[in-house]
Amino acid sequence: MQPGDLPHVLAVQALAYGDVMLESEATLASRLTLSPQTCWVAVDAGTTGATGVTGLTKASIAGYLFTHPWRLAAPPPLDTVLDALPDAPDCWYVHDMALAPRTRGAGVASQLYAAALSAAQSLGLRASALVAVQQSQGFWARFGYRVTVDVSPQIAAKLAGYGDGAVFMTREL
C-alpha cells in the first residue's frame, strides 16, 4: 500500500461497512506510516498498484489490509491516530481488512492475509490479535484466530467502542 492509495481505500471501506465503523483517513494513514511493510492493497487483475503505472482508480482497488506491530494486552481504540509503535511490540495486530463486494468469494482475503502474514513473521512476532466486528468471528477463525473469552477490563472497555458483538481474537504465528 502507498499513501496515494488511501482515497481508494476509503471508498472500499465505505462499500464494505456502509455508514458504520468508518475510520478517518488520518487514522488509516497513521498505520500505513508506522508500518508500511505490513499494510497491503489488492488490485484488480489487469491494473497496477500505485508504485507502478499511473492511472490507478477507485475501481482498481479490490480490498485492503492494515496491520502493525503492537502490544497484545492493549488493542488500540477504533478510529484513533497512532503516533508511534510500542517500543517492545509482542504481537502482530490486524487492524482492518475490507473487500469491495465484487471480490467476495474470489480468494482476495486469503491473498491479502498471506502477504501480510509473511511480512509479520519476518518481524519475529509470535502472536497476532484483532477485534472481530459485525459477526466476523467465523471469517477470522478460518485464519486460525480464536475468541479470547476472558479479557481484561481494559480490553473489554475498548471492545465496547467497536460496537455490539465485537470480540477479541488471538492466534499464534
N, C-alpha and C. Protein backbone atom coordinates (compact mmCIF):
# COMPACT_ATOMS: atom_id res chain seq x y z
N MET A 1 0.85 -1.18 0.00
CA MET A 1 0.00 0.00 0.00
C MET A 1 0.89 1.24 0.00
N GLN A 2 0.44 2.24 -0.73
CA GLN A 2 1.14 3.52 -0.81
C GLN A 2 0.20 4.63 -0.32
N PRO A 3 0.73 5.76 0.15
CA PRO A 3 -0.14 6.85 0.61
C PRO A 3 -1.18 7.28 -0.42
N GLY A 4 -0.82 7.25 -1.68
CA GLY A 4 -1.77 7.63 -2.73
C GLY A 4 -2.95 6.69 -2.87
N ASP A 5 -2.86 5.50 -2.27
CA ASP A 5 -3.96 4.53 -2.31
C ASP A 5 -5.07 4.87 -1.32
N LEU A 6 -4.79 5.71 -0.33
CA LEU A 6 -5.74 5.94 0.76
C LEU A 6 -7.12 6.43 0.31
N PRO A 7 -7.23 7.36 -0.63
CA PRO A 7 -8.59 7.74 -1.06
C PRO A 7 -9.38 6.55 -1.62
N HIS A 8 -8.70 5.66 -2.32
CA HIS A 8 -9.35 4.48 -2.89
C HIS A 8 -9.70 3.48 -1.79
N VAL A 9 -8.82 3.38 -0.79
CA VAL A 9 -9.08 2.52 0.37
C VAL A 9 -10.34 3.00 1.10
N LEU A 10 -10.48 4.31 1.26
CA LEU A 10 -11.67 4.86 1.92
C LEU A 10 -12.94 4.52 1.14
N ALA A 11 -12.84 4.48 -0.17
CA ALA A 11 -14.00 4.11 -0.98
C ALA A 11 -14.38 2.65 -0.75
N VAL A 12 -13.39 1.76 -0.66
CA VAL A 12 -13.66 0.35 -0.36
C VAL A 12 -14.25 0.22 1.05
N GLN A 13 -13.69 0.98 2.00
CA GLN A 13 -14.21 0.95 3.37
C GLN A 13 -15.70 1.30 3.38
N ALA A 14 -16.08 2.34 2.66
CA ALA A 14 -17.49 2.76 2.62
C ALA A 14 -18.37 1.69 1.98
N LEU A 15 -17.87 1.02 0.94
CA LEU A 15 -18.63 -0.06 0.32
C LEU A 15 -18.80 -1.23 1.29
N ALA A 16 -17.75 -1.54 2.03
CA ALA A 16 -17.78 -2.70 2.92
C ALA A 16 -18.59 -2.47 4.19
N TYR A 17 -18.52 -1.27 4.75
CA TYR A 17 -19.13 -1.01 6.05
C TYR A 17 -20.37 -0.13 6.01
N GLY A 18 -20.67 0.48 4.88
CA GLY A 18 -21.80 1.40 4.84
C GLY A 18 -21.51 2.62 5.69
N ASP A 19 -22.46 2.98 6.53
CA ASP A 19 -22.30 4.17 7.35
C ASP A 19 -21.76 3.89 8.74
N VAL A 20 -21.45 2.64 9.06
CA VAL A 20 -20.96 2.30 10.39
C VAL A 20 -19.51 1.86 10.32
N MET A 21 -18.78 2.04 11.39
CA MET A 21 -17.41 1.56 11.52
C MET A 21 -16.42 2.27 10.59
N LEU A 22 -16.77 3.41 10.07
CA LEU A 22 -15.86 4.12 9.18
C LEU A 22 -14.79 4.83 9.99
N GLU A 23 -13.56 4.68 9.54
CA GLU A 23 -12.43 5.35 10.19
C GLU A 23 -11.90 6.44 9.27
N SER A 24 -11.29 7.42 9.88
CA SER A 24 -10.80 8.57 9.12
C SER A 24 -9.55 8.22 8.31
N GLU A 25 -9.29 9.04 7.31
CA GLU A 25 -8.07 8.88 6.53
C GLU A 25 -6.85 9.05 7.42
N ALA A 26 -6.92 9.96 8.40
CA ALA A 26 -5.79 10.18 9.31
C ALA A 26 -5.50 8.92 10.13
N THR A 27 -6.53 8.24 10.58
CA THR A 27 -6.35 7.00 11.35
C THR A 27 -5.63 5.96 10.50
N LEU A 28 -6.12 5.74 9.30
CA LEU A 28 -5.53 4.73 8.43
C LEU A 28 -4.13 5.14 7.97
N ALA A 29 -3.95 6.41 7.69
CA ALA A 29 -2.63 6.90 7.27
C ALA A 29 -1.60 6.69 8.37
N SER A 30 -2.01 6.82 9.63
CA SER A 30 -1.05 6.62 10.73
C SER A 30 -0.53 5.19 10.75
N ARG A 31 -1.39 4.24 10.49
CA ARG A 31 -0.94 2.85 10.47
C ARG A 31 -0.01 2.58 9.29
N LEU A 32 -0.36 3.12 8.13
CA LEU A 32 0.49 2.96 6.95
C LEU A 32 1.85 3.62 7.17
N THR A 33 1.87 4.79 7.77
CA THR A 33 3.13 5.50 8.02
C THR A 33 4.02 4.73 8.98
N LEU A 34 3.41 4.15 10.03
CA LEU A 34 4.20 3.46 11.06
C LEU A 34 4.64 2.06 10.66
N SER A 35 3.89 1.42 9.77
CA SER A 35 4.24 0.04 9.40
C SER A 35 3.90 -0.23 7.93
N PRO A 36 4.56 0.46 7.01
CA PRO A 36 4.21 0.29 5.59
C PRO A 36 4.43 -1.13 5.07
N GLN A 37 5.36 -1.86 5.68
CA GLN A 37 5.64 -3.21 5.21
C GLN A 37 4.55 -4.21 5.58
N THR A 38 3.59 -3.81 6.43
CA THR A 38 2.52 -4.74 6.82
C THR A 38 1.13 -4.23 6.44
N CYS A 39 1.06 -3.26 5.53
CA CYS A 39 -0.22 -2.75 5.03
C CYS A 39 -0.29 -3.03 3.53
N TRP A 40 -1.40 -3.57 3.09
CA TRP A 40 -1.49 -4.07 1.72
C TRP A 40 -2.79 -3.66 1.04
N VAL A 41 -2.76 -3.53 -0.26
CA VAL A 41 -3.97 -3.42 -1.07
C VAL A 41 -3.97 -4.56 -2.07
N ALA A 42 -5.17 -4.98 -2.43
CA ALA A 42 -5.35 -5.91 -3.53
C ALA A 42 -5.86 -5.08 -4.71
N VAL A 43 -5.27 -5.32 -5.85
CA VAL A 43 -5.59 -4.55 -7.05
C VAL A 43 -6.23 -5.50 -8.05
N ASP A 44 -7.30 -5.04 -8.69
CA ASP A 44 -7.97 -5.87 -9.69
C ASP A 44 -7.00 -6.32 -10.77
N ALA A 45 -7.22 -7.51 -11.30
CA ALA A 45 -6.39 -8.03 -12.38
C ALA A 45 -6.37 -7.06 -13.54
N GLY A 46 -5.21 -6.90 -14.13
CA GLY A 46 -5.07 -6.01 -15.28
C GLY A 46 -4.75 -4.57 -14.92
N THR A 47 -4.62 -4.28 -13.62
CA THR A 47 -4.23 -2.94 -13.19
C THR A 47 -2.94 -3.05 -12.40
N THR A 48 -2.32 -1.92 -12.14
CA THR A 48 -1.06 -1.90 -11.44
C THR A 48 -1.17 -1.02 -10.21
N GLY A 49 -0.48 -1.39 -9.15
CA GLY A 49 -0.51 -0.61 -7.91
C GLY A 49 0.11 0.77 -8.08
N ALA A 50 0.00 1.56 -7.03
CA ALA A 50 0.44 2.96 -7.08
C ALA A 50 1.93 3.10 -7.37
N THR A 51 2.72 2.07 -7.10
CA THR A 51 4.15 2.18 -7.37
C THR A 51 4.47 1.84 -8.83
N GLY A 52 3.47 1.38 -9.56
CA GLY A 52 3.70 1.03 -10.96
C GLY A 52 3.11 2.08 -11.88
N VAL A 53 2.36 1.64 -12.84
CA VAL A 53 1.76 2.52 -13.84
C VAL A 53 0.75 3.46 -13.18
N THR A 54 0.77 4.71 -13.57
CA THR A 54 -0.23 5.64 -13.04
C THR A 54 -1.58 5.32 -13.63
N GLY A 55 -2.62 5.89 -13.06
CA GLY A 55 -3.96 5.65 -13.57
C GLY A 55 -4.75 4.70 -12.69
N LEU A 56 -4.24 4.36 -11.51
CA LEU A 56 -4.97 3.53 -10.58
C LEU A 56 -6.24 4.27 -10.19
N THR A 57 -7.37 3.60 -10.24
CA THR A 57 -8.65 4.24 -9.94
C THR A 57 -9.31 3.58 -8.75
N LYS A 58 -10.37 4.23 -8.29
CA LYS A 58 -11.17 3.69 -7.20
C LYS A 58 -11.59 2.25 -7.51
N ALA A 59 -11.97 2.02 -8.76
CA ALA A 59 -12.43 0.70 -9.16
C ALA A 59 -11.29 -0.32 -9.18
N SER A 60 -10.04 0.12 -9.22
CA SER A 60 -8.91 -0.80 -9.28
C SER A 60 -8.58 -1.44 -7.94
N ILE A 61 -8.85 -0.76 -6.83
CA ILE A 61 -8.56 -1.30 -5.50
C ILE A 61 -9.67 -2.28 -5.14
N ALA A 62 -9.30 -3.53 -4.98
CA ALA A 62 -10.27 -4.59 -4.69
C ALA A 62 -10.44 -4.82 -3.19
N GLY A 63 -9.44 -4.43 -2.41
CA GLY A 63 -9.51 -4.61 -0.96
C GLY A 63 -8.25 -4.08 -0.32
N TYR A 64 -8.25 -4.11 1.02
CA TYR A 64 -7.09 -3.63 1.76
C TYR A 64 -6.96 -4.37 3.07
N LEU A 65 -5.76 -4.28 3.63
CA LEU A 65 -5.47 -4.87 4.94
C LEU A 65 -4.46 -3.98 5.65
N PHE A 66 -4.87 -3.45 6.82
CA PHE A 66 -3.98 -2.66 7.67
C PHE A 66 -3.58 -3.52 8.86
N THR A 67 -2.27 -3.68 9.07
CA THR A 67 -1.75 -4.40 10.23
C THR A 67 -0.52 -3.66 10.73
N HIS A 68 -0.11 -3.96 11.96
CA HIS A 68 1.09 -3.34 12.50
C HIS A 68 1.51 -4.06 13.78
N PRO A 69 2.78 -3.95 14.14
CA PRO A 69 3.23 -4.49 15.43
C PRO A 69 2.54 -3.72 16.56
N TRP A 70 2.23 -4.44 17.66
CA TRP A 70 1.54 -3.78 18.77
C TRP A 70 1.72 -4.60 20.04
N ARG A 71 1.00 -4.21 21.09
CA ARG A 71 1.02 -4.92 22.38
C ARG A 71 -0.26 -5.76 22.48
N LEU A 72 -0.10 -7.04 22.77
CA LEU A 72 -1.22 -7.97 22.83
C LEU A 72 -2.28 -7.54 23.82
N ALA A 73 -1.88 -7.03 24.96
CA ALA A 73 -2.83 -6.70 26.03
C ALA A 73 -3.49 -5.34 25.86
N ALA A 74 -3.21 -4.62 24.77
CA ALA A 74 -3.71 -3.24 24.65
C ALA A 74 -4.11 -2.89 23.22
N PRO A 75 -5.16 -3.50 22.67
CA PRO A 75 -5.54 -3.13 21.31
C PRO A 75 -5.91 -1.65 21.23
N PRO A 76 -5.56 -0.99 20.14
CA PRO A 76 -5.88 0.43 20.03
C PRO A 76 -7.39 0.65 19.87
N PRO A 77 -7.90 1.76 20.38
CA PRO A 77 -9.32 2.07 20.19
C PRO A 77 -9.63 2.31 18.71
N LEU A 78 -10.87 2.11 18.35
CA LEU A 78 -11.33 2.34 16.99
C LEU A 78 -11.14 3.81 16.61
N ASP A 79 -10.78 4.05 15.38
CA ASP A 79 -10.63 5.38 14.79
C ASP A 79 -9.73 6.30 15.61
N THR A 80 -8.56 5.78 15.95
CA THR A 80 -7.58 6.53 16.72
C THR A 80 -6.27 6.64 15.92
N VAL A 81 -5.77 7.84 15.79
CA VAL A 81 -4.48 8.06 15.13
C VAL A 81 -3.38 7.57 16.07
N LEU A 82 -2.48 6.77 15.53
CA LEU A 82 -1.33 6.29 16.31
C LEU A 82 -0.14 7.20 16.04
N ASP A 83 0.51 7.62 17.12
CA ASP A 83 1.69 8.48 16.98
C ASP A 83 2.98 7.69 16.85
N ALA A 84 2.98 6.47 17.41
CA ALA A 84 4.20 5.64 17.39
C ALA A 84 3.82 4.20 17.65
N LEU A 85 4.69 3.31 17.23
CA LEU A 85 4.54 1.91 17.60
C LEU A 85 5.14 1.72 18.98
N PRO A 86 4.71 0.71 19.72
CA PRO A 86 5.30 0.48 21.04
C PRO A 86 6.78 0.10 20.93
N ASP A 87 7.54 0.42 21.97
CA ASP A 87 8.97 0.10 21.99
C ASP A 87 9.22 -1.40 21.93
N ALA A 88 8.36 -2.16 22.58
CA ALA A 88 8.55 -3.61 22.62
C ALA A 88 7.26 -4.32 22.21
N PRO A 89 6.93 -4.29 20.91
CA PRO A 89 5.70 -4.96 20.49
C PRO A 89 5.80 -6.47 20.71
N ASP A 90 4.68 -7.09 21.06
CA ASP A 90 4.69 -8.53 21.27
C ASP A 90 3.66 -9.25 20.41
N CYS A 91 3.00 -8.51 19.52
CA CYS A 91 2.05 -9.17 18.62
C CYS A 91 1.93 -8.40 17.32
N TRP A 92 1.39 -9.09 16.35
CA TRP A 92 1.02 -8.51 15.07
C TRP A 92 -0.46 -8.20 15.17
N TYR A 93 -0.80 -6.93 15.16
CA TYR A 93 -2.20 -6.52 15.31
C TYR A 93 -2.82 -6.33 13.93
N VAL A 94 -3.89 -7.05 13.67
CA VAL A 94 -4.63 -6.93 12.42
C VAL A 94 -5.72 -5.89 12.66
N HIS A 95 -5.50 -4.71 12.12
CA HIS A 95 -6.40 -3.59 12.38
C HIS A 95 -7.70 -3.67 11.57
N ASP A 96 -7.58 -3.85 10.26
CA ASP A 96 -8.79 -3.86 9.44
C ASP A 96 -8.51 -4.48 8.09
N MET A 97 -9.46 -5.30 7.65
CA MET A 97 -9.46 -5.82 6.28
C MET A 97 -10.86 -5.57 5.73
N ALA A 98 -10.92 -5.05 4.53
CA ALA A 98 -12.20 -4.87 3.85
C ALA A 98 -12.01 -5.14 2.37
N LEU A 99 -13.06 -5.67 1.77
CA LEU A 99 -13.04 -6.02 0.36
C LEU A 99 -14.19 -5.35 -0.35
N ALA A 100 -13.97 -4.95 -1.59
CA ALA A 100 -15.06 -4.47 -2.42
C ALA A 100 -16.01 -5.64 -2.64
N PRO A 101 -17.31 -5.42 -2.60
CA PRO A 101 -18.27 -6.53 -2.74
C PRO A 101 -18.02 -7.40 -3.97
N ARG A 102 -17.52 -6.84 -5.04
CA ARG A 102 -17.30 -7.61 -6.27
C ARG A 102 -16.25 -8.69 -6.11
N THR A 103 -15.43 -8.62 -5.05
CA THR A 103 -14.33 -9.57 -4.89
C THR A 103 -14.66 -10.74 -3.96
N ARG A 104 -15.76 -10.66 -3.25
CA ARG A 104 -16.07 -11.68 -2.25
C ARG A 104 -16.15 -13.06 -2.91
N GLY A 105 -15.52 -14.01 -2.25
CA GLY A 105 -15.52 -15.38 -2.75
C GLY A 105 -14.43 -15.67 -3.77
N ALA A 106 -13.62 -14.68 -4.09
CA ALA A 106 -12.58 -14.85 -5.12
C ALA A 106 -11.21 -15.13 -4.53
N GLY A 107 -11.11 -15.28 -3.20
CA GLY A 107 -9.83 -15.58 -2.58
C GLY A 107 -8.96 -14.36 -2.30
N VAL A 108 -9.50 -13.18 -2.48
CA VAL A 108 -8.73 -11.96 -2.27
C VAL A 108 -8.31 -11.83 -0.81
N ALA A 109 -9.22 -12.13 0.12
CA ALA A 109 -8.90 -12.03 1.55
C ALA A 109 -7.72 -12.94 1.90
N SER A 110 -7.74 -14.15 1.40
CA SER A 110 -6.64 -15.09 1.68
C SER A 110 -5.32 -14.59 1.13
N GLN A 111 -5.34 -14.00 -0.05
CA GLN A 111 -4.11 -13.49 -0.65
C GLN A 111 -3.57 -12.30 0.14
N LEU A 112 -4.46 -11.38 0.53
CA LEU A 112 -4.02 -10.24 1.34
C LEU A 112 -3.43 -10.71 2.65
N TYR A 113 -4.14 -11.62 3.31
CA TYR A 113 -3.69 -12.09 4.62
C TYR A 113 -2.34 -12.80 4.50
N ALA A 114 -2.18 -13.64 3.50
CA ALA A 114 -0.92 -14.38 3.32
C ALA A 114 0.25 -13.43 3.11
N ALA A 115 0.06 -12.39 2.33
CA ALA A 115 1.14 -11.42 2.09
C ALA A 115 1.52 -10.71 3.38
N ALA A 116 0.53 -10.26 4.13
CA ALA A 116 0.80 -9.54 5.37
C ALA A 116 1.37 -10.48 6.43
N LEU A 117 0.89 -11.71 6.49
CA LEU A 117 1.41 -12.68 7.46
C LEU A 117 2.89 -12.94 7.23
N SER A 118 3.28 -13.07 5.99
CA SER A 118 4.69 -13.29 5.68
C SER A 118 5.54 -12.11 6.18
N ALA A 119 5.05 -10.90 5.96
CA ALA A 119 5.77 -9.72 6.44
C ALA A 119 5.82 -9.70 7.96
N ALA A 120 4.72 -10.05 8.61
CA ALA A 120 4.68 -10.07 10.08
C ALA A 120 5.63 -11.10 10.65
N GLN A 121 5.68 -12.27 10.04
CA GLN A 121 6.58 -13.32 10.54
C GLN A 121 8.04 -12.90 10.42
N SER A 122 8.35 -12.09 9.42
CA SER A 122 9.73 -11.62 9.28
C SER A 122 10.12 -10.67 10.40
N LEU A 123 9.13 -10.12 11.12
CA LEU A 123 9.40 -9.24 12.26
C LEU A 123 9.71 -10.02 13.53
N GLY A 124 9.52 -11.33 13.51
CA GLY A 124 9.81 -12.16 14.67
C GLY A 124 8.72 -12.18 15.72
N LEU A 125 7.54 -11.68 15.40
CA LEU A 125 6.44 -11.68 16.37
C LEU A 125 5.84 -13.08 16.45
N ARG A 126 5.41 -13.49 17.64
CA ARG A 126 4.93 -14.85 17.83
C ARG A 126 3.43 -14.97 18.02
N ALA A 127 2.73 -13.84 18.11
CA ALA A 127 1.29 -13.86 18.32
C ALA A 127 0.64 -12.80 17.45
N SER A 128 -0.64 -12.97 17.23
CA SER A 128 -1.42 -11.98 16.49
C SER A 128 -2.73 -11.76 17.23
N ALA A 129 -3.27 -10.56 17.10
CA ALA A 129 -4.54 -10.22 17.74
C ALA A 129 -5.35 -9.32 16.82
N LEU A 130 -6.66 -9.32 17.04
CA LEU A 130 -7.57 -8.47 16.30
C LEU A 130 -8.87 -8.33 17.07
N VAL A 131 -9.66 -7.37 16.68
CA VAL A 131 -11.02 -7.23 17.18
C VAL A 131 -11.94 -7.57 16.02
N ALA A 132 -12.71 -8.65 16.17
CA ALA A 132 -13.66 -9.05 15.14
C ALA A 132 -14.96 -8.28 15.35
N VAL A 133 -15.44 -7.65 14.29
CA VAL A 133 -16.66 -6.84 14.36
C VAL A 133 -17.70 -7.40 13.40
N GLN A 134 -18.93 -6.98 13.59
CA GLN A 134 -20.04 -7.33 12.69
C GLN A 134 -20.13 -8.84 12.45
N GLN A 135 -20.04 -9.61 13.53
CA GLN A 135 -20.17 -11.07 13.48
C GLN A 135 -19.18 -11.73 12.51
N SER A 136 -17.94 -11.24 12.49
CA SER A 136 -16.92 -11.77 11.58
C SER A 136 -16.03 -12.83 12.22
N GLN A 137 -16.39 -13.34 13.40
CA GLN A 137 -15.56 -14.33 14.09
C GLN A 137 -15.30 -15.55 13.21
N GLY A 138 -16.31 -16.05 12.52
CA GLY A 138 -16.15 -17.22 11.66
C GLY A 138 -15.15 -16.97 10.54
N PHE A 139 -15.19 -15.78 9.97
CA PHE A 139 -14.24 -15.41 8.92
C PHE A 139 -12.82 -15.49 9.47
N TRP A 140 -12.57 -14.88 10.63
CA TRP A 140 -11.22 -14.85 11.19
C TRP A 140 -10.79 -16.21 11.72
N ALA A 141 -11.74 -17.05 12.12
CA ALA A 141 -11.40 -18.41 12.57
C ALA A 141 -10.75 -19.20 11.43
N ARG A 142 -11.12 -18.92 10.20
CA ARG A 142 -10.50 -19.60 9.05
C ARG A 142 -9.01 -19.31 8.94
N PHE A 143 -8.56 -18.21 9.55
CA PHE A 143 -7.15 -17.84 9.54
C PHE A 143 -6.45 -18.25 10.84
N GLY A 144 -7.14 -19.04 11.66
CA GLY A 144 -6.52 -19.57 12.88
C GLY A 144 -6.77 -18.78 14.15
N TYR A 145 -7.61 -17.76 14.09
CA TYR A 145 -7.90 -16.95 15.28
C TYR A 145 -8.96 -17.62 16.13
N ARG A 146 -8.82 -17.45 17.44
CA ARG A 146 -9.79 -17.97 18.41
C ARG A 146 -10.24 -16.82 19.31
N VAL A 147 -11.52 -16.84 19.65
CA VAL A 147 -12.07 -15.82 20.54
C VAL A 147 -11.43 -15.96 21.92
N THR A 148 -10.98 -14.84 22.45
CA THR A 148 -10.47 -14.79 23.82
C THR A 148 -11.65 -14.40 24.71
N VAL A 149 -12.15 -15.36 25.47
CA VAL A 149 -13.37 -15.16 26.24
C VAL A 149 -13.10 -14.31 27.48
N ASP A 150 -12.05 -14.61 28.19
CA ASP A 150 -11.76 -13.92 29.45
C ASP A 150 -10.77 -12.80 29.18
N VAL A 151 -11.29 -11.60 28.86
CA VAL A 151 -10.43 -10.46 28.55
C VAL A 151 -10.31 -9.54 29.76
N SER A 152 -9.26 -8.77 29.78
CA SER A 152 -9.04 -7.81 30.86
C SER A 152 -10.08 -6.70 30.81
N PRO A 153 -10.28 -5.99 31.91
CA PRO A 153 -11.20 -4.85 31.88
C PRO A 153 -10.81 -3.79 30.85
N GLN A 154 -9.51 -3.60 30.64
CA GLN A 154 -9.06 -2.62 29.65
C GLN A 154 -9.48 -3.04 28.23
N ILE A 155 -9.31 -4.31 27.91
CA ILE A 155 -9.72 -4.79 26.58
C ILE A 155 -11.23 -4.74 26.46
N ALA A 156 -11.96 -5.12 27.50
CA ALA A 156 -13.43 -5.06 27.47
C ALA A 156 -13.91 -3.64 27.20
N ALA A 157 -13.28 -2.65 27.81
CA ALA A 157 -13.67 -1.26 27.59
C ALA A 157 -13.43 -0.85 26.13
N LYS A 158 -12.33 -1.29 25.56
CA LYS A 158 -12.04 -0.96 24.16
C LYS A 158 -13.02 -1.67 23.23
N LEU A 159 -13.37 -2.92 23.55
CA LEU A 159 -14.32 -3.65 22.71
C LEU A 159 -15.65 -2.92 22.62
N ALA A 160 -16.06 -2.30 23.71
CA ALA A 160 -17.33 -1.57 23.72
C ALA A 160 -17.35 -0.48 22.65
N GLY A 161 -16.19 0.10 22.35
CA GLY A 161 -16.11 1.14 21.33
C GLY A 161 -16.18 0.61 19.91
N TYR A 162 -16.11 -0.70 19.75
CA TYR A 162 -16.16 -1.31 18.42
C TYR A 162 -17.57 -1.77 18.02
N GLY A 163 -18.55 -1.54 18.89
CA GLY A 163 -19.93 -1.89 18.55
C GLY A 163 -20.36 -3.21 19.15
N ASP A 164 -21.65 -3.45 19.10
CA ASP A 164 -22.23 -4.67 19.66
C ASP A 164 -21.63 -5.91 19.02
N GLY A 165 -21.33 -6.89 19.84
CA GLY A 165 -20.83 -8.16 19.35
C GLY A 165 -19.35 -8.21 19.04
N ALA A 166 -18.62 -7.13 19.25
CA ALA A 166 -17.18 -7.14 18.97
C ALA A 166 -16.49 -8.09 19.94
N VAL A 167 -15.56 -8.89 19.42
CA VAL A 167 -14.82 -9.84 20.25
C VAL A 167 -13.33 -9.73 19.96
N PHE A 168 -12.54 -10.01 20.99
CA PHE A 168 -11.09 -10.02 20.88
C PHE A 168 -10.67 -11.43 20.48
N MET A 169 -9.82 -11.54 19.46
CA MET A 169 -9.37 -12.83 18.96
C MET A 169 -7.84 -12.83 18.86
N THR A 170 -7.25 -13.98 19.10
CA THR A 170 -5.80 -14.13 19.01
C THR A 170 -5.44 -15.43 18.32
N ARG A 171 -4.19 -15.51 17.90
CA ARG A 171 -3.62 -16.74 17.35
C ARG A 171 -2.11 -16.70 17.51
N GLU A 172 -1.50 -17.86 17.50
CA GLU A 172 -0.04 -17.94 17.47
C GLU A 172 0.42 -17.82 16.03
N LEU A 173 1.62 -17.27 15.85
CA LEU A 173 2.17 -17.16 14.50
C LEU A 173 3.17 -18.27 14.23
